[in-house]
C-alpha atoms as a PDB file:
ATOM      1  CA  UNK A   1       8.126   3.562 -16.085  1.00  0.00           C
ATOM      2  CA  UNK A   2       7.591   6.709 -18.120  1.00  0.00           C
ATOM      3  CA  UNK A   3       4.188   7.415 -16.523  1.00  0.00           C
ATOM      4  CA  UNK A   4       5.651   6.759 -13.076  1.00  0.00           C
ATOM      5  CA  UNK A   5       8.396   9.335 -13.667  1.00  0.00           C
ATOM      6  CA  UNK A   6       5.856  11.908 -14.924  1.00  0.00           C
ATOM      7  CA  UNK A   7       3.680  11.400 -11.834  1.00  0.00           C
ATOM      8  CA  UNK A   8       6.652  11.735  -9.479  1.00  0.00           C
ATOM      9  CA  UNK A   9       7.808  14.883 -11.285  1.00  0.00           C
ATOM     10  CA  UNK A  10       4.329  16.438 -11.083  1.00  0.00           C
ATOM     11  CA  UNK A  11       4.077  15.705  -7.367  1.00  0.00           C
ATOM     12  CA  UNK A  12       7.589  17.013  -6.744  1.00  0.00           C
ATOM     13  CA  UNK A  13       6.538  20.247  -8.445  1.00  0.00           C
ATOM     14  CA  UNK A  14       3.519  20.605  -6.133  1.00  0.00           C
ATOM     15  CA  UNK A  15       0.822  19.274  -8.458  1.00  0.00           C
ATOM     16  CA  UNK A  16      -1.351  16.673  -6.745  1.00  0.00           C
ATOM     17  CA  UNK A  17      -1.176  13.717  -9.104  1.00  0.00           C
ATOM     18  CA  UNK A  18      -2.218  10.468  -7.391  1.00  0.00           C
ATOM     19  CA  UNK A  19      -1.157   7.105  -8.743  1.00  0.00           C
ATOM     20  CA  UNK A  20      -3.088   3.971  -7.825  1.00  0.00           C
ATOM     21  CA  UNK A  21      -1.363   0.621  -7.861  1.00  0.00           C
ATOM     22  CA  UNK A  22      -3.228  -2.649  -7.412  1.00  0.00           C
ATOM     23  CA  UNK A  23      -1.476  -6.002  -7.259  1.00  0.00           C
ATOM     24  CA  UNK A  24       1.320  -5.858  -9.867  1.00  0.00           C
ATOM     25  CA  UNK A  25       0.980  -2.071  -9.981  1.00  0.00           C
ATOM     26  CA  UNK A  26       1.684  -1.802  -6.267  1.00  0.00           C
ATOM     27  CA  UNK A  27       4.571  -4.227  -6.605  1.00  0.00           C
ATOM     28  CA  UNK A  28       6.004  -2.069  -9.394  1.00  0.00           C
ATOM     29  CA  UNK A  29       5.652   1.069  -7.269  1.00  0.00           C
ATOM     30  CA  UNK A  30       7.480  -0.547  -4.324  1.00  0.00           C
ATOM     31  CA  UNK A  31      10.363  -1.578  -6.581  1.00  0.00           C
ATOM     32  CA  UNK A  32      10.517   1.770  -8.425  1.00  0.00           C
ATOM     33  CA  UNK A  33      10.216   4.026  -5.368  1.00  0.00           C
ATOM     34  CA  UNK A  34      12.416   1.812  -3.207  1.00  0.00           C
ATOM     35  CA  UNK A  35      15.024   1.424  -5.958  1.00  0.00           C
ATOM     36  CA  UNK A  36      15.341  -2.210  -4.907  1.00  0.00           C
ATOM     37  CA  UNK A  37      14.271  -5.233  -6.954  1.00  0.00           C
ATOM     38  CA  UNK A  38      14.493  -7.413  -3.841  1.00  0.00           C
ATOM     39  CA  UNK A  39      12.151  -5.324  -1.668  1.00  0.00           C
ATOM     40  CA  UNK A  40       9.228  -7.729  -2.228  1.00  0.00           C
ATOM     41  CA  UNK A  41       8.911 -11.056  -0.478  1.00  0.00           C
ATOM     42  CA  UNK A  42       6.787 -14.175  -0.860  1.00  0.00           C
ATOM     43  CA  UNK A  43       3.471 -14.088   0.972  1.00  0.00           C
ATOM     44  CA  UNK A  44       0.843 -16.711   1.659  1.00  0.00           C
ATOM     45  CA  UNK A  45      -2.024 -14.677   0.252  1.00  0.00           C
ATOM     46  CA  UNK A  46      -3.476 -16.522  -2.733  1.00  0.00           C
ATOM     47  CA  UNK A  47      -7.302 -16.578  -2.611  1.00  0.00           C
ATOM     48  CA  UNK A  48      -7.304 -15.003   0.849  1.00  0.00           C
ATOM     49  CA  UNK A  49      -9.794 -12.686   2.561  1.00  0.00           C
ATOM     50  CA  UNK A  50      -8.740 -10.497   5.451  1.00  0.00           C
ATOM     51  CA  UNK A  51      -9.547  -7.372   7.450  1.00  0.00           C
ATOM     52  CA  UNK A  52      -7.566  -4.203   6.998  1.00  0.00           C
ATOM     53  CA  UNK A  53      -6.245  -2.098   9.832  1.00  0.00           C
ATOM     54  CA  UNK A  54      -6.610   1.650   9.389  1.00  0.00           C
ATOM     55  CA  UNK A  55      -3.614   3.562  10.735  1.00  0.00           C
ATOM     56  CA  UNK A  56      -3.779   7.094  12.166  1.00  0.00           C
ATOM     57  CA  UNK A  57      -2.285   8.401   8.929  1.00  0.00           C
ATOM     58  CA  UNK A  58      -5.455   7.305   7.103  1.00  0.00           C
ATOM     59  CA  UNK A  59      -7.537   9.810   9.095  1.00  0.00           C
ATOM     60  CA  UNK A  60      -6.016  12.752   7.219  1.00  0.00           C
ATOM     61  CA  UNK A  61      -5.459  11.045   3.868  1.00  0.00           C
ATOM     62  CA  UNK A  62      -7.277  12.115   0.720  1.00  0.00           C
ATOM     63  CA  UNK A  63      -8.224   8.488   0.164  1.00  0.00           C
ATOM     64  CA  UNK A  64      -9.840   7.651   3.507  1.00  0.00           C
ATOM     65  CA  UNK A  65     -10.520  10.895   5.404  1.00  0.00           C
ATOM     66  CA  UNK A  66     -14.075  11.207   4.105  1.00  0.00           C
ATOM     67  CA  UNK A  67     -14.934   7.517   4.203  1.00  0.00           C
ATOM     68  CA  UNK A  68     -17.928   6.951   6.497  1.00  0.00           C
ATOM     69  CA  UNK A  69     -17.074   5.315   9.829  1.00  0.00           C
ATOM     70  CA  UNK A  70     -19.599   2.558   9.093  1.00  0.00           C
ATOM     71  CA  UNK A  71     -17.615   1.586   5.995  1.00  0.00           C
ATOM     72  CA  UNK A  72     -14.294   1.682   7.866  1.00  0.00           C
ATOM     73  CA  UNK A  73     -15.698  -0.584  10.582  1.00  0.00           C
ATOM     74  CA  UNK A  74     -16.973  -2.988   7.946  1.00  0.00           C
ATOM     75  CA  UNK A  75     -13.597  -3.160   6.193  1.00  0.00           C
ATOM     76  CA  UNK A  76     -11.801  -3.539   9.508  1.00  0.00           C
ATOM     77  CA  UNK A  77     -13.958  -6.371  10.883  1.00  0.00           C
ATOM     78  CA  UNK A  78     -15.613  -8.355   8.081  1.00  0.00           C
ATOM     79  CA  UNK A  79     -12.715  -9.998   6.219  1.00  0.00           C
ATOM     80  CA  UNK A  80     -14.132  -8.371   3.093  1.00  0.00           C
ATOM     81  CA  UNK A  81     -10.786  -7.488   1.502  1.00  0.00           C
ATOM     82  CA  UNK A  82      -9.811 -10.097  -1.089  1.00  0.00           C
ATOM     83  CA  UNK A  83      -6.153 -10.774  -1.768  1.00  0.00           C
ATOM     84  CA  UNK A  84      -4.806 -12.957  -4.536  1.00  0.00           C
ATOM     85  CA  UNK A  85      -1.112 -12.298  -4.804  1.00  0.00           C
ATOM     86  CA  UNK A  86       2.153 -14.015  -4.112  1.00  0.00           C
ATOM     87  CA  UNK A  87       4.329 -11.006  -3.265  1.00  0.00           C
ATOM     88  CA  UNK A  88       4.144  -8.095  -0.874  1.00  0.00           C
ATOM     89  CA  UNK A  89       6.171  -6.220   1.674  1.00  0.00           C
ATOM     90  CA  UNK A  90       6.160  -6.452   5.435  1.00  0.00           C
ATOM     91  CA  UNK A  91       5.926  -3.199   7.373  1.00  0.00           C
ATOM     92  CA  UNK A  92       9.355  -3.680   8.981  1.00  0.00           C
ATOM     93  CA  UNK A  93      11.053  -4.191   5.629  1.00  0.00           C
ATOM     94  CA  UNK A  94       9.199  -1.182   4.234  1.00  0.00           C
ATOM     95  CA  UNK A  95      10.431   0.986   7.118  1.00  0.00           C
ATOM     96  CA  UNK A  96      14.021  -0.228   6.674  1.00  0.00           C
ATOM     97  CA  UNK A  97      14.061   1.141   3.124  1.00  0.00           C
ATOM     98  CA  UNK A  98      14.692   4.894   3.517  1.00  0.00           C
ATOM     99  CA  UNK A  99      13.411   5.676   0.036  1.00  0.00           C
ATOM    100  CA  UNK A 100      10.078   3.916   0.628  1.00  0.00           C
ATOM    101  CA  UNK A 101       9.701   5.337   4.121  1.00  0.00           C
ATOM    102  CA  UNK A 102      10.243   8.887   2.855  1.00  0.00           C
ATOM    103  CA  UNK A 103       8.152   8.490  -0.298  1.00  0.00           C
ATOM    104  CA  UNK A 104       4.952   6.814   0.925  1.00  0.00           C
ATOM    105  CA  UNK A 105       2.667   7.111   3.933  1.00  0.00           C
ATOM    106  CA  UNK A 106       1.280   3.761   5.061  1.00  0.00           C
ATOM    107  CA  UNK A 107      -2.482   4.182   5.476  1.00  0.00           C
ATOM    108  CA  UNK A 108      -3.669   0.624   6.086  1.00  0.00           C
ATOM    109  CA  UNK A 109      -2.191  -2.776   6.844  1.00  0.00           C
ATOM    110  CA  UNK A 110      -3.275  -6.353   6.332  1.00  0.00           C
ATOM    111  CA  UNK A 111      -1.691  -9.737   6.927  1.00  0.00           C
ATOM    112  CA  UNK A 112      -1.397 -12.952   4.974  1.00  0.00           C
ATOM    113  CA  UNK A 113      -2.341 -16.384   6.300  1.00  0.00           C
ATOM    114  CA  UNK A 114       0.972 -16.560   8.166  1.00  0.00           C
ATOM    115  CA  UNK A 115       0.540 -13.182   9.868  1.00  0.00           C
ATOM    116  CA  UNK A 116       3.153 -11.481   7.629  1.00  0.00           C
END
């Protein structure tokens, strides 16, 4: 939590300080930024491969703006993204949480086996 607070403070003060969260790290960031321990929900995404959908916001992001189109097409159409987690957050629930909506920009989306 200490590193999270330092990163938020640096960004608030105008210093670009990215934080990457994978799996449990992303879950932690959703809970911390959303100030809600119940923001995550069960997903059917254990040992699951899926495409990702790039949103318009990804076009200007530091993470994806320079990614070659060939790579984006591959990620969007080859089910090459591997997921192995039980929890996540649906876009609608994310958007209902004002803190999350104002803190993060959604760049990509994916779905679990049930389309959630």
